[in-house]
Amino acid sequence: SAQDRRSTGVQTDDEGIEWKAAQSVPERYAAASHLNFTSFNQ
């Protein structure tokens, strides 16, 4: 974590962004889609 060039706060934000983005997918498209969300430095 210390070697990461992002601050610890941004690292935490990136983890939250990935989860929230996955939850933001409109329900009408979710079932027919295969999606991956990867956040780095927001």
Full PDB file with SEQRES, HELIX, SHEET, SSBOND, CRYST1, ORIGX, SCALE, CONECT and MASTER records, all heavy atoms in Angstrom:
SEQRES   1 A   42  SER ALA GLN ASP ARG ARG SER THR GLY VAL GLN THR ASP          
SEQRES   2 A   42  ASP GLU GLY ILE GLU TRP LYS ALA ALA GLN SER VAL PRO          
SEQRES   3 A   42  GLU ARG TYR ALA ALA ALA SER HIS LEU ASN PHE THR SER          
SEQRES   4 A   42  PHE ASN GLN                                                  
HELIX    1 AA1 THR A    8  GLN A   23  1                                  16    
HELIX    2 AA2 GLU A   27  ALA A   30  1                                   4    
CRYST1    1.000    1.000    1.000  90.00  90.00  90.00 P 1           1          
ORIGX1      1.000000  0.000000  0.000000        0.00000                         
ORIGX2      0.000000  1.000000  0.000000        0.00000                         
ORIGX3      0.000000  0.000000  1.000000        0.00000                         
SCALE1      1.000000  0.000000  0.000000        0.00000                         
SCALE2      0.000000  1.000000  0.000000        0.00000                         
SCALE3      0.000000  0.000000  1.000000        0.00000                         
ATOM      1  N   SER A   1       0.827  -1.194   0.000  1.00  0.00           N  
ATOM      2  CA  SER A   1       0.000   0.000   0.000  1.00  0.00           C  
ATOM      3  C   SER A   1       0.865   1.249   0.000  1.00  0.00           C  
ATOM      4  O   SER A   1       0.578   2.224  -0.689  1.00  0.00           O  
ATOM      5  CB  SER A   1      -0.928  -0.001   1.224  1.00  0.00           C  
ATOM      6  OG  SER A   1      -1.688   1.177   1.285  1.00  0.00           O  
ATOM      7  N   ALA A   2       1.949   1.229   0.777  1.00  0.00           N  
ATOM      8  CA  ALA A   2       2.834   2.381   0.864  1.00  0.00           C  
ATOM      9  C   ALA A   2       3.564   2.618  -0.455  1.00  0.00           C  
ATOM     10  O   ALA A   2       3.858   3.755  -0.824  1.00  0.00           O  
ATOM     11  CB  ALA A   2       3.839   2.184   1.997  1.00  0.00           C  
ATOM     12  N   GLN A   3       3.877   1.549  -1.188  1.00  0.00           N  
ATOM     13  CA  GLN A   3       4.581   1.679  -2.453  1.00  0.00           C  
ATOM     14  C   GLN A   3       3.665   2.173  -3.564  1.00  0.00           C  
ATOM     15  O   GLN A   3       4.141   2.621  -4.597  1.00  0.00           O  
ATOM     16  CB  GLN A   3       5.205   0.337  -2.845  1.00  0.00           C  
ATOM     17  CG  GLN A   3       6.428  -0.031  -2.015  1.00  0.00           C  
ATOM     18  CD  GLN A   3       7.058  -1.322  -2.486  1.00  0.00           C  
ATOM     19  OE1 GLN A   3       6.379  -2.193  -2.998  1.00  0.00           O  
ATOM     20  NE2 GLN A   3       8.347  -1.457  -2.303  1.00  0.00           N  
ATOM     21  N   ASP A   4       2.365   2.075  -3.358  1.00  0.00           N  
ATOM     22  CA  ASP A   4       1.408   2.565  -4.348  1.00  0.00           C  
ATOM     23  C   ASP A   4       1.552   4.074  -4.480  1.00  0.00           C  
ATOM     24  O   ASP A   4       1.655   4.793  -3.481  1.00  0.00           O  
ATOM     25  CB  ASP A   4      -0.011   2.194  -3.900  1.00  0.00           C  
ATOM     26  CG  ASP A   4      -1.017   2.262  -5.035  1.00  0.00           C  
ATOM     27  OD1 ASP A   4      -1.026   3.278  -5.757  1.00  0.00           O  
ATOM     28  OD2 ASP A   4      -1.788   1.302  -5.194  1.00  0.00           O  
ATOM     29  N   ARG A   5       1.555   4.563  -5.700  1.00  0.00           N  
ATOM     30  CA  ARG A   5       1.722   6.002  -5.919  1.00  0.00           C  
ATOM     31  C   ARG A   5       0.437   6.780  -5.675  1.00  0.00           C  
ATOM     32  O   ARG A   5       0.439   8.010  -5.720  1.00  0.00           O  
ATOM     33  CB  ARG A   5       2.270   6.232  -7.328  1.00  0.00           C  
ATOM     34  CG  ARG A   5       3.740   5.829  -7.434  1.00  0.00           C  
ATOM     35  CD  ARG A   5       4.251   5.766  -8.848  1.00  0.00           C  
ATOM     36  NE  ARG A   5       5.670   5.439  -8.853  1.00  0.00           N  
ATOM     37  CZ  ARG A   5       6.335   5.027  -9.921  1.00  0.00           C  
ATOM     38  NH1 ARG A   5       5.707   4.882 -11.083  1.00  0.00           N  
ATOM     39  NH2 ARG A   5       7.622   4.743  -9.840  1.00  0.00           N  
ATOM     40  N   ARG A   6      -0.649   6.089  -5.436  1.00  0.00           N  
ATOM     41  CA  ARG A   6      -1.886   6.745  -5.006  1.00  0.00           C  
ATOM     42  C   ARG A   6      -1.831   6.909  -3.493  1.00  0.00           C  
ATOM     43  O   ARG A   6      -1.225   6.109  -2.795  1.00  0.00           O  
ATOM     44  CB  ARG A   6      -3.109   5.907  -5.369  1.00  0.00           C  
ATOM     45  CG  ARG A   6      -3.312   5.661  -6.850  1.00  0.00           C  
ATOM     46  CD  ARG A   6      -4.396   4.613  -7.077  1.00  0.00           C  
ATOM     47  NE  ARG A   6      -3.986   3.306  -6.582  1.00  0.00           N  
ATOM     48  CZ  ARG A   6      -4.798   2.244  -6.507  1.00  0.00           C  
ATOM     49  NH1 ARG A   6      -6.062   2.348  -6.888  1.00  0.00           N  
ATOM     50  NH2 ARG A   6      -4.347   1.093  -6.050  1.00  0.00           N  
ATOM     51  N   SER A   7      -2.499   7.920  -2.981  1.00  0.00           N  
ATOM     52  CA  SER A   7      -2.610   8.046  -1.531  1.00  0.00           C  
ATOM     53  C   SER A   7      -3.515   6.928  -1.015  1.00  0.00           C  
ATOM     54  O   SER A   7      -4.289   6.337  -1.777  1.00  0.00           O  
ATOM     55  CB  SER A   7      -3.200   9.405  -1.151  1.00  0.00           C  
ATOM     56  OG  SER A   7      -4.565   9.482  -1.568  1.00  0.00           O  
ATOM     57  N   THR A   8      -3.423   6.648   0.287  1.00  0.00           N  
ATOM     58  CA  THR A   8      -4.274   5.594   0.852  1.00  0.00           C  
ATOM     59  C   THR A   8      -5.751   5.961   0.709  1.00  0.00           C  
ATOM     60  O   THR A   8      -6.599   5.101   0.521  1.00  0.00           O  
ATOM     61  CB  THR A   8      -3.935   5.374   2.333  1.00  0.00           C  
ATOM     62  OG1 THR A   8      -3.993   6.626   3.028  1.00  0.00           O  
ATOM     63  CG2 THR A   8      -2.559   4.759   2.483  1.00  0.00           C  
ATOM     64  N   GLY A   9      -6.057   7.269   0.772  1.00  0.00           N  
ATOM     65  CA  GLY A   9      -7.441   7.704   0.598  1.00  0.00           C  
ATOM     66  C   GLY A   9      -7.954   7.421  -0.797  1.00  0.00           C  
ATOM     67  O   GLY A   9      -9.087   6.957  -0.971  1.00  0.00           O  
ATOM     68  N   VAL A  10      -7.121   7.669  -1.804  1.00  0.00           N  
ATOM     69  CA  VAL A  10      -7.528   7.401  -3.187  1.00  0.00           C  
ATOM     70  C   VAL A  10      -7.648   5.904  -3.434  1.00  0.00           C  
ATOM     71  O   VAL A  10      -8.545   5.450  -4.158  1.00  0.00           O  
ATOM     72  CB  VAL A  10      -6.533   8.042  -4.180  1.00  0.00           C  
ATOM     73  CG1 VAL A  10      -6.831   7.599  -5.615  1.00  0.00           C  
ATOM     74  CG2 VAL A  10      -6.587   9.561  -4.085  1.00  0.00           C  
ATOM     75  N   GLN A  11      -6.767   5.120  -2.831  1.00  0.00           N  
ATOM     76  CA  GLN A  11      -6.869   3.665  -2.957  1.00  0.00           C  
ATOM     77  C   GLN A  11      -8.226   3.180  -2.439  1.00  0.00           C  
ATOM     78  O   GLN A  11      -8.881   2.342  -3.063  1.00  0.00           O  
ATOM     79  CB  GLN A  11      -5.745   2.986  -2.182  1.00  0.00           C  
ATOM     80  CG  GLN A  11      -4.361   3.205  -2.766  1.00  0.00           C  
ATOM     81  CD  GLN A  11      -3.281   2.587  -1.904  1.00  0.00           C  
ATOM     82  OE1 GLN A  11      -3.372   1.417  -1.503  1.00  0.00           O  
ATOM     83  NE2 GLN A  11      -2.240   3.341  -1.596  1.00  0.00           N  
ATOM     84  N   THR A  12      -8.632   3.723  -1.300  1.00  0.00           N  
ATOM     85  CA  THR A  12      -9.926   3.370  -0.729  1.00  0.00           C  
ATOM     86  C   THR A  12     -11.060   3.848  -1.629  1.00  0.00           C  
ATOM     87  O   THR A  12     -12.043   3.125  -1.857  1.00  0.00           O  
ATOM     88  CB  THR A  12     -10.083   3.975   0.678  1.00  0.00           C  
ATOM     89  OG1 THR A  12      -9.023   3.505   1.515  1.00  0.00           O  
ATOM     90  CG2 THR A  12     -11.420   3.594   1.297  1.00  0.00           C  
ATOM     91  N   ASP A  13     -10.926   5.060  -2.151  1.00  0.00           N  
ATOM     92  CA  ASP A  13     -11.945   5.597  -3.065  1.00  0.00           C  
ATOM     93  C   ASP A  13     -12.102   4.705  -4.296  1.00  0.00           C  
ATOM     94  O   ASP A  13     -13.223   4.453  -4.753  1.00  0.00           O  
ATOM     95  CB  ASP A  13     -11.566   7.011  -3.516  1.00  0.00           C  
ATOM     96  CG  ASP A  13     -11.718   8.043  -2.409  1.00  0.00           C  
ATOM     97  OD1 ASP A  13     -12.397   7.728  -1.411  1.00  0.00           O  
ATOM     98  OD2 ASP A  13     -11.156   9.146  -2.542  1.00  0.00           O  
ATOM     99  N   ASP A  14     -10.987   4.235  -4.843  1.00  0.00           N  
ATOM    100  CA  ASP A  14     -11.040   3.388  -6.037  1.00  0.00           C  
ATOM    101  C   ASP A  14     -11.814   2.095  -5.774  1.00  0.00           C  
ATOM    102  O   ASP A  14     -12.597   1.645  -6.620  1.00  0.00           O  
ATOM    103  CB  ASP A  14      -9.621   3.059  -6.510  1.00  0.00           C  
ATOM    104  CG  ASP A  14      -8.984   4.206  -7.272  1.00  0.00           C  
ATOM    105  OD1 ASP A  14      -9.719   5.020  -7.854  1.00  0.00           O  
ATOM    106  OD2 ASP A  14      -7.745   4.285  -7.308  1.00  0.00           O  
ATOM    107  N   GLU A  15     -11.608   1.518  -4.605  1.00  0.00           N  
ATOM    108  CA  GLU A  15     -12.347   0.300  -4.265  1.00  0.00           C  
ATOM    109  C   GLU A  15     -13.838   0.581  -4.185  1.00  0.00           C  
ATOM    110  O   GLU A  15     -14.667  -0.207  -4.675  1.00  0.00           O  
ATOM    111  CB  GLU A  15     -11.835  -0.264  -2.938  1.00  0.00           C  
ATOM    112  CG  GLU A  15     -10.410  -0.792  -2.997  1.00  0.00           C  
ATOM    113  CD  GLU A  15      -9.928  -1.291  -1.649  1.00  0.00           C  
ATOM    114  OE1 GLU A  15     -10.726  -1.258  -0.686  1.00  0.00           O  
ATOM    115  OE2 GLU A  15      -8.759  -1.707  -1.560  1.00  0.00           O  
ATOM    116  N   GLY A  16     -14.201   1.695  -3.579  1.00  0.00           N  
ATOM    117  CA  GLY A  16     -15.608   2.063  -3.475  1.00  0.00           C  
ATOM    118  C   GLY A  16     -16.218   2.383  -4.824  1.00  0.00           C  
ATOM    119  O   GLY A  16     -17.371   2.029  -5.102  1.00  0.00           O  
ATOM    120  N   ILE A  17     -15.452   3.048  -5.690  1.00  0.00           N  
ATOM    121  CA  ILE A  17     -15.942   3.399  -7.017  1.00  0.00           C  
ATOM    122  C   ILE A  17     -16.292   2.140  -7.815  1.00  0.00           C  
ATOM    123  O   ILE A  17     -17.322   2.093  -8.501  1.00  0.00           O  
ATOM    124  CB  ILE A  17     -14.883   4.248  -7.761  1.00  0.00           C  
ATOM    125  CG1 ILE A  17     -14.863   5.674  -7.200  1.00  0.00           C  
ATOM    126  CG2 ILE A  17     -15.160   4.278  -9.266  1.00  0.00           C  
ATOM    127  CD1 ILE A  17     -13.712   6.518  -7.721  1.00  0.00           C  
ATOM    128  N   GLU A  18     -15.447   1.136  -7.752  1.00  0.00           N  
ATOM    129  CA  GLU A  18     -15.698  -0.094  -8.498  1.00  0.00           C  
ATOM    130  C   GLU A  18     -17.018  -0.728  -8.068  1.00  0.00           C  
ATOM    131  O   GLU A  18     -17.827  -1.153  -8.918  1.00  0.00           O  
ATOM    132  CB  GLU A  18     -14.541  -1.075  -8.291  1.00  0.00           C  
ATOM    133  CG  GLU A  18     -13.247  -0.622  -8.933  1.00  0.00           C  
ATOM    134  CD  GLU A  18     -12.081  -1.546  -8.666  1.00  0.00           C  
ATOM    135  OE1 GLU A  18     -12.237  -2.489  -7.847  1.00  0.00           O  
ATOM    136  OE2 GLU A  18     -11.012  -1.353  -9.260  1.00  0.00           O  
ATOM    137  N   TRP A  19     -17.234  -0.784  -6.757  1.00  0.00           N  
ATOM    138  CA  TRP A  19     -18.472  -1.401  -6.252  1.00  0.00           C  
ATOM    139  C   TRP A  19     -19.691  -0.563  -6.635  1.00  0.00           C  
ATOM    140  O   TRP A  19     -20.699  -1.098  -7.104  1.00  0.00           O  
ATOM    141  CB  TRP A  19     -18.389  -1.544  -4.729  1.00  0.00           C  
ATOM    142  CG  TRP A  19     -19.577  -2.257  -4.161  1.00  0.00           C  
ATOM    143  CD1 TRP A  19     -19.765  -3.598  -4.050  1.00  0.00           C  
ATOM    144  CD2 TRP A  19     -20.768  -1.642  -3.627  1.00  0.00           C  
ATOM    145  NE1 TRP A  19     -20.987  -3.874  -3.480  1.00  0.00           N  
ATOM    146  CE2 TRP A  19     -21.624  -2.690  -3.213  1.00  0.00           C  
ATOM    147  CE3 TRP A  19     -21.175  -0.317  -3.458  1.00  0.00           C  
ATOM    148  CZ2 TRP A  19     -22.874  -2.449  -2.640  1.00  0.00           C  
ATOM    149  CZ3 TRP A  19     -22.422  -0.090  -2.891  1.00  0.00           C  
ATOM    150  CH2 TRP A  19     -23.250  -1.142  -2.487  1.00  0.00           C  
ATOM    151  N   LYS A  20     -19.597   0.748  -6.459  1.00  0.00           N  
ATOM    152  CA  LYS A  20     -20.734   1.621  -6.761  1.00  0.00           C  
ATOM    153  C   LYS A  20     -21.057   1.633  -8.257  1.00  0.00           C  
ATOM    154  O   LYS A  20     -22.219   1.678  -8.651  1.00  0.00           O  
ATOM    155  CB  LYS A  20     -20.448   3.044  -6.272  1.00  0.00           C  
ATOM    156  CG  LYS A  20     -20.395   3.172  -4.753  1.00  0.00           C  
ATOM    157  CD  LYS A  20     -19.951   4.566  -4.340  1.00  0.00           C  
ATOM    158  CE  LYS A  20     -19.782   4.686  -2.834  1.00  0.00           C  
ATOM    159  NZ  LYS A  20     -19.256   6.017  -2.439  1.00  0.00           N  
ATOM    160  N   ALA A  21     -20.025   1.600  -9.085  1.00  0.00           N  
ATOM    161  CA  ALA A  21     -20.243   1.597 -10.531  1.00  0.00           C  
ATOM    162  C   ALA A  21     -20.964   0.319 -10.968  1.00  0.00           C  
ATOM    163  O   ALA A  21     -21.857   0.364 -11.821  1.00  0.00           O  
ATOM    164  CB  ALA A  21     -18.911   1.728 -11.263  1.00  0.00           C  
ATOM    165  N   ALA A  22     -20.588  -0.795 -10.365  1.00  0.00           N  
ATOM    166  CA  ALA A  22     -21.260  -2.053 -10.693  1.00  0.00           C  
ATOM    167  C   ALA A  22     -22.733  -2.012 -10.303  1.00  0.00           C  
ATOM    168  O   ALA A  22     -23.591  -2.571 -10.993  1.00  0.00           O  
ATOM    169  CB  ALA A  22     -20.550  -3.216  -9.989  1.00  0.00           C  
ATOM    170  N   GLN A  23     -23.023  -1.321  -9.194  1.00  0.00           N  
ATOM    171  CA  GLN A  23     -24.411  -1.204  -8.748  1.00  0.00           C  
ATOM    172  C   GLN A  23     -25.202  -0.191  -9.565  1.00  0.00           C  
ATOM    173  O   GLN A  23     -26.436  -0.176  -9.525  1.00  0.00           O  
ATOM    174  CB  GLN A  23     -24.449  -0.786  -7.266  1.00  0.00           C  
ATOM    175  CG  GLN A  23     -23.716  -1.726  -6.316  1.00  0.00           C  
ATOM    176  CD  GLN A  23     -24.219  -3.148  -6.400  1.00  0.00           C  
ATOM    177  OE1 GLN A  23     -25.409  -3.396  -6.322  1.00  0.00           O  
ATOM    178  NE2 GLN A  23     -23.298  -4.100  -6.575  1.00  0.00           N  
ATOM    179  N   SER A  24     -24.500   0.654 -10.322  1.00  0.00           N  
ATOM    180  CA  SER A  24     -25.176   1.718 -11.070  1.00  0.00           C  
ATOM    181  C   SER A  24     -25.727   1.265 -12.423  1.00  0.00           C  
ATOM    182  O   SER A  24     -26.433   2.027 -13.089  1.00  0.00           O  
ATOM    183  CB  SER A  24     -24.203   2.891 -11.300  1.00  0.00           C  
ATOM    184  OG  SER A  24     -23.263   2.585 -12.322  1.00  0.00           O  
ATOM    185  N   VAL A  25     -25.405   0.047 -12.834  1.00  0.00           N  
ATOM    186  CA  VAL A  25     -25.856  -0.449 -14.145  1.00  0.00           C  
ATOM    187  C   VAL A  25     -27.384  -0.517 -14.181  1.00  0.00           C  
ATOM    188  O   VAL A  25     -27.992  -1.127 -13.296  1.00  0.00           O  
ATOM    189  CB  VAL A  25     -25.268  -1.844 -14.438  1.00  0.00           C  
ATOM    190  CG1 VAL A  25     -25.793  -2.380 -15.780  1.00  0.00           C  
ATOM    191  CG2 VAL A  25     -23.746  -1.796 -14.438  1.00  0.00           C  
ATOM    192  N   PRO A  26     -28.018   0.104 -15.167  1.00  0.00           N  
ATOM    193  CA  PRO A  26     -29.481   0.053 -15.263  1.00  0.00           C  
ATOM    194  C   PRO A  26     -29.977  -1.398 -15.296  1.00  0.00           C  
ATOM    195  O   PRO A  26     -29.399  -2.237 -16.000  1.00  0.00           O  
ATOM    196  CB  PRO A  26     -29.773   0.772 -16.582  1.00  0.00           C  
ATOM    197  CG  PRO A  26     -28.620   1.707 -16.760  1.00  0.00           C  
ATOM    198  CD  PRO A  26     -27.435   0.973 -16.206  1.00  0.00           C  
ATOM    199  N   GLU A  27     -31.007  -1.664 -14.533  1.00  0.00           N  
ATOM    200  CA  GLU A  27     -31.500  -3.036 -14.390  1.00  0.00           C  
ATOM    201  C   GLU A  27     -31.869  -3.663 -15.729  1.00  0.00           C  
ATOM    202  O   GLU A  27     -31.682  -4.860 -15.939  1.00  0.00           O  
ATOM    203  CB  GLU A  27     -32.717  -3.037 -13.455  1.00  0.00           C  
ATOM    204  CG  GLU A  27     -33.206  -4.428 -13.092  1.00  0.00           C  
ATOM    205  CD  GLU A  27     -34.341  -4.383 -12.082  1.00  0.00           C  
ATOM    206  OE1 GLU A  27     -34.597  -3.291 -11.528  1.00  0.00           O  
ATOM    207  OE2 GLU A  27     -34.972  -5.435 -11.851  1.00  0.00           O  
ATOM    208  N   ARG A  28     -32.375  -2.859 -16.656  1.00  0.00           N  
ATOM    209  CA  ARG A  28     -32.825  -3.416 -17.938  1.00  0.00           C  
ATOM    210  C   ARG A  28     -31.674  -3.931 -18.799  1.00  0.00           C  
ATOM    211  O   ARG A  28     -31.889  -4.669 -19.754  1.00  0.00           O  
ATOM    212  CB  ARG A  28     -33.624  -2.364 -18.711  1.00  0.00           C  
ATOM    213  CG  ARG A  28     -32.860  -1.114 -19.108  1.00  0.00           C  
ATOM    214  CD  ARG A  28     -33.786  -0.109 -19.760  1.00  0.00           C  
ATOM    215  NE  ARG A  28     -33.116   1.128 -20.176  1.00  0.00           N  
ATOM    216  CZ  ARG A  28     -32.854   2.135 -19.371  1.00  0.00           C  
ATOM    217  NH1 ARG A  28     -33.196   2.061 -18.078  1.00  0.00           N  
ATOM    218  NH2 ARG A  28     -32.257   3.222 -19.825  1.00  0.00           N  
ATOM    219  N   TYR A  29     -30.433  -3.533 -18.460  1.00  0.00           N  
ATOM    220  CA  TYR A  29     -29.278  -3.987 -19.230  1.00  0.00           C  
ATOM    221  C   TYR A  29     -28.416  -4.989 -18.462  1.00  0.00           C  
ATOM    222  O   TYR A  29     -27.564  -5.658 -19.066  1.00  0.00           O  
ATOM    223  CB  TYR A  29     -28.396  -2.798 -19.606  1.00  0.00           C  
ATOM    224  CG  TYR A  29     -29.103  -1.737 -20.420  1.00  0.00           C  
ATOM    225  CD1 TYR A  29     -29.023  -0.393 -20.041  1.00  0.00           C  
ATOM    226  CD2 TYR A  29     -29.843  -2.059 -21.557  1.00  0.00           C  
ATOM    227  CE1 TYR A  29     -29.657   0.599 -20.795  1.00  0.00           C  
ATOM    228  CE2 TYR A  29     -30.480  -1.085 -22.304  1.00  0.00           C  
ATOM    229  CZ  TYR A  29     -30.389   0.240 -21.911  1.00  0.00           C  
ATOM    230  OH  TYR A  29     -31.027   1.214 -22.646  1.00  0.00           O  
ATOM    231  N   ALA A  30     -28.600  -5.059 -17.175  1.00  0.00           N  
ATOM    232  CA  ALA A  30     -27.696  -5.839 -16.326  1.00  0.00           C  
ATOM    233  C   ALA A  30     -27.649  -7.315 -16.699  1.00  0.00           C  
ATOM    234  O   ALA A  30     -26.563  -7.907 -16.813  1.00  0.00           O  
ATOM    235  CB  ALA A  30     -28.091  -5.682 -14.857  1.00  0.00           C  
ATOM    236  N   ALA A  31     -28.816  -7.934 -16.906  1.00  0.00           N  
ATOM    237  CA  ALA A  31     -28.865  -9.376 -17.138  1.00  0.00           C  
ATOM    238  C   ALA A  31     -28.164  -9.783 -18.429  1.00  0.00           C  
ATOM    239  O   ALA A  31     -27.550 -10.861 -18.510  1.00  0.00           O  
ATOM    240  CB  ALA A  31     -30.311  -9.855 -17.157  1.00  0.00           C  
ATOM    241  N   ALA A  32     -28.241  -8.946 -19.448  1.00  0.00           N  
ATOM    242  CA  ALA A  32     -27.682  -9.295 -20.763  1.00  0.00           C  
ATOM    243  C   ALA A  32     -26.247  -8.799 -20.941  1.00  0.00           C  
ATOM    244  O   ALA A  32     -25.678  -8.951 -22.026  1.00  0.00           O  
ATOM    245  CB  ALA A  32     -28.565  -8.726 -21.873  1.00  0.00           C  
ATOM    246  N   SER A  33     -25.681  -8.223 -19.899  1.00  0.00           N  
ATOM    247  CA  SER A  33     -24.337  -7.652 -20.018  1.00  0.00           C  
ATOM    248  C   SER A  33     -23.338  -8.418 -19.164  1.00  0.00           C  
ATOM    249  O   SER A  33     -23.676  -8.978 -18.122  1.00  0.00           O  
ATOM    250  CB  SER A  33     -24.340  -6.183 -19.575  1.00  0.00           C  
ATOM    251  OG  SER A  33     -25.224  -5.410 -20.354  1.00  0.00           O  
ATOM    252  N   HIS A  34     -22.100  -8.420 -19.613  1.00  0.00           N  
ATOM    253  CA  HIS A  34     -20.977  -8.921 -18.810  1.00  0.00           C  
ATOM    254  C   HIS A  34     -20.011  -7.760 -18.665  1.00  0.00           C  
ATOM    255  O   HIS A  34     -19.427  -7.298 -19.651  1.00  0.00           O  
ATOM    256  CB  HIS A  34     -20.291 -10.102 -19.502  1.00  0.00           C  
ATOM    257  CG  HIS A  34     -18.910 -10.360 -18.973  1.00  0.00           C  
ATOM    258  ND1 HIS A  34     -17.775 -10.281 -19.759  1.00  0.00           N  
ATOM    259  CD2 HIS A  34     -18.484 -10.680 -17.716  1.00  0.00           C  
ATOM    260  CE1 HIS A  34     -16.712 -10.537 -19.014  1.00  0.00           C  
ATOM    261  NE2 HIS A  34     -17.114 -10.781 -17.785  1.00  0.00           N  
ATOM    262  N   LEU A  35     -19.862  -7.258 -17.433  1.00  0.00           N  
ATOM    263  CA  LEU A  35     -19.121  -6.012 -17.220  1.00  0.00           C  
ATOM    264  C   LEU A  35     -18.057  -6.159 -16.136  1.00  0.00           C  
ATOM    265  O   LEU A  35     -18.249  -6.866 -15.143  1.00  0.00           O  
ATOM    266  CB  LEU A  35     -20.082  -4.890 -16.831  1.00  0.00           C  
ATOM    267  CG  LEU A  35     -21.170  -4.532 -17.859  1.00  0.00           C  
ATOM    268  CD1 LEU A  35     -22.237  -3.668 -17.215  1.00  0.00           C  
ATOM    269  CD2 LEU A  35     -20.546  -3.822 -19.054  1.00  0.00           C  
ATOM    270  N   ASN A  36     -16.963  -5.462 -16.341  1.00  0.00           N  
ATOM    271  CA  ASN A  36     -15.908  -5.356 -15.341  1.00  0.00           C  
ATOM    272  C   ASN A  36     -15.606  -3.884 -15.113  1.00  0.00           C  
ATOM    273  O   ASN A  36     -15.453  -3.121 -16.080  1.00  0.00           O  
ATOM    274  CB  ASN A  36     -14.637  -6.069 -15.813  1.00  0.00           C  
ATOM    275  CG  ASN A  36     -14.845  -7.545 -16.033  1.00  0.00           C  
ATOM    276  OD1 ASN A  36     -15.237  -8.263 -15.120  1.00  0.00           O  
ATOM    277  ND2 ASN A  36     -14.612  -8.000 -17.254  1.00  0.00           N  
ATOM    278  N   PHE A  37     -15.525  -3.494 -13.852  1.00  0.00           N  
ATOM    279  CA  PHE A  37     -15.227  -2.098 -13.511  1.00  0.00           C  
ATOM    280  C   PHE A  37     -13.893  -2.054 -12.754  1.00  0.00           C  
ATOM    281  O   PHE A  37     -13.748  -2.684 -11.714  1.00  0.00           O  
ATOM    282  CB  PHE A  37     -16.337  -1.509 -12.642  1.00  0.00           C  
ATOM    283  CG  PHE A  37     -17.678  -1.454 -13.330  1.00  0.00           C  
ATOM    284  CD1 PHE A  37     -18.554  -2.525 -13.266  1.00  0.00           C  
ATOM    285  CD2 PHE A  37     -18.051  -0.337 -14.043  1.00  0.00           C  
ATOM    286  CE1 PHE A  37     -19.781  -2.479 -13.901  1.00  0.00           C  
ATOM    287  CE2 PHE A  37     -19.281  -0.269 -14.680  1.00  0.00           C  
ATOM    288  CZ  PHE A  37     -20.151  -1.353 -14.623  1.00  0.00           C  
ATOM    289  N   THR A  38     -12.952  -1.306 -13.289  1.00  0.00           N  
ATOM    290  CA  THR A  38     -11.636  -1.185 -12.670  1.00  0.00           C  
ATOM    291  C   THR A  38     -11.308   0.291 -12.503  1.00  0.00           C  
ATOM    292  O   THR A  38     -11.232   1.029 -13.492  1.00  0.00           O  
ATOM    293  CB  THR A  38     -10.548  -1.848 -13.537  1.00  0.00           C  
ATOM    294  OG1 THR A  38     -10.947  -3.181 -13.859  1.00  0.00           O  
ATOM    295  CG2 THR A  38      -9.223  -1.878 -12.793  1.00  0.00           C  
ATOM    296  N   SER A  39     -11.115   0.720 -11.266  1.00  0.00           N  
ATOM    297  CA  SER A  39     -10.814   2.128 -10.992  1.00  0.00           C  
ATOM    298  C   SER A  39      -9.380   2.266 -10.511  1.00  0.00           C  
ATOM    299  O   SER A  39      -8.923   1.531  -9.629  1.00  0.00           O  
ATOM    300  CB  SER A  39     -11.768   2.681  -9.932  1.00  0.00           C  
ATOM    301  OG  SER A  39     -11.510   4.047  -9.676  1.00  0.00           O  
ATOM    302  N   PHE A  40      -8.664   3.204 -11.108  1.00  0.00           N  
ATOM    303  CA  PHE A  40      -7.300   3.498 -10.675  1.00  0.00           C  
ATOM    304  C   PHE A  40      -7.116   5.006 -10.700  1.00  0.00           C  
ATOM    305  O   PHE A  40      -7.248   5.644 -11.753  1.00  0.00           O  
ATOM    306  CB  PHE A  40      -6.261   2.823 -11.580  1.00  0.00           C  
ATOM    307  CG  PHE A  40      -4.878   2.820 -10.992  1.00  0.00           C  
ATOM    308  CD1 PHE A  40      -4.411   1.712 -10.299  1.00  0.00           C  
ATOM    309  CD2 PHE A  40      -4.054   3.926 -11.101  1.00  0.00           C  
ATOM    310  CE1 PHE A  40      -3.147   1.710  -9.735  1.00  0.00           C  
ATOM    311  CE2 PHE A  40      -2.793   3.948 -10.540  1.00  0.00           C  
ATOM    312  CZ  PHE A  40      -2.343   2.830  -9.852  1.00  0.00           C  
ATOM    313  N   ASN A  41      -6.820   5.569  -9.549  1.00  0.00           N  
ATOM    314  CA  ASN A  41      -6.663   7.019  -9.391  1.00  0.00           C  
ATOM    315  C   ASN A  41      -7.925   7.748  -9.846  1.00  0.00           C  
ATOM    316  O   ASN A  41      -7.853   8.807 -10.470  1.00  0.00           O  
ATOM    317  CB  ASN A  41      -5.433   7.525 -10.159  1.00  0.00           C  
ATOM    318  CG  ASN A  41      -4.874   8.810  -9.583  1.00  0.00           C  
ATOM    319  OD1 ASN A  41      -4.983   9.074  -8.390  1.00  0.00           O  
ATOM    320  ND2 ASN A  41      -4.270   9.630 -10.436  1.00  0.00           N  
ATOM    321  N   GLN A  42      -9.067   7.146  -9.536  1.00  0.00           N  
ATOM    322  CA  GLN A  42     -10.400   7.699  -9.808  1.00  0.00           C  
ATOM    323  C   GLN A  42     -10.714   7.790 -11.310  1.00  0.00           C  
ATOM    324  O   GLN A  42     -11.625   8.494 -11.715  1.00  0.00           O  
ATOM    325  CB  GLN A  42     -10.542   9.067  -9.137  1.00  0.00           C  
ATOM    326  CG  GLN A  42     -10.436   8.981  -7.611  1.00  0.00           C  
ATOM    327  CD  GLN A  42     -10.419  10.319  -6.925  1.00  0.00           C  
ATOM    328  OE1 GLN A  42      -9.511  11.123  -7.130  1.00  0.00           O  
ATOM    329  NE2 GLN A  42     -11.440  10.583  -6.125  1.00  0.00           N  
TER     330      GLN A  42                                                      
MASTER        0    0    0    2    0    0    0    6  329    1    0    4          
END                                                                             
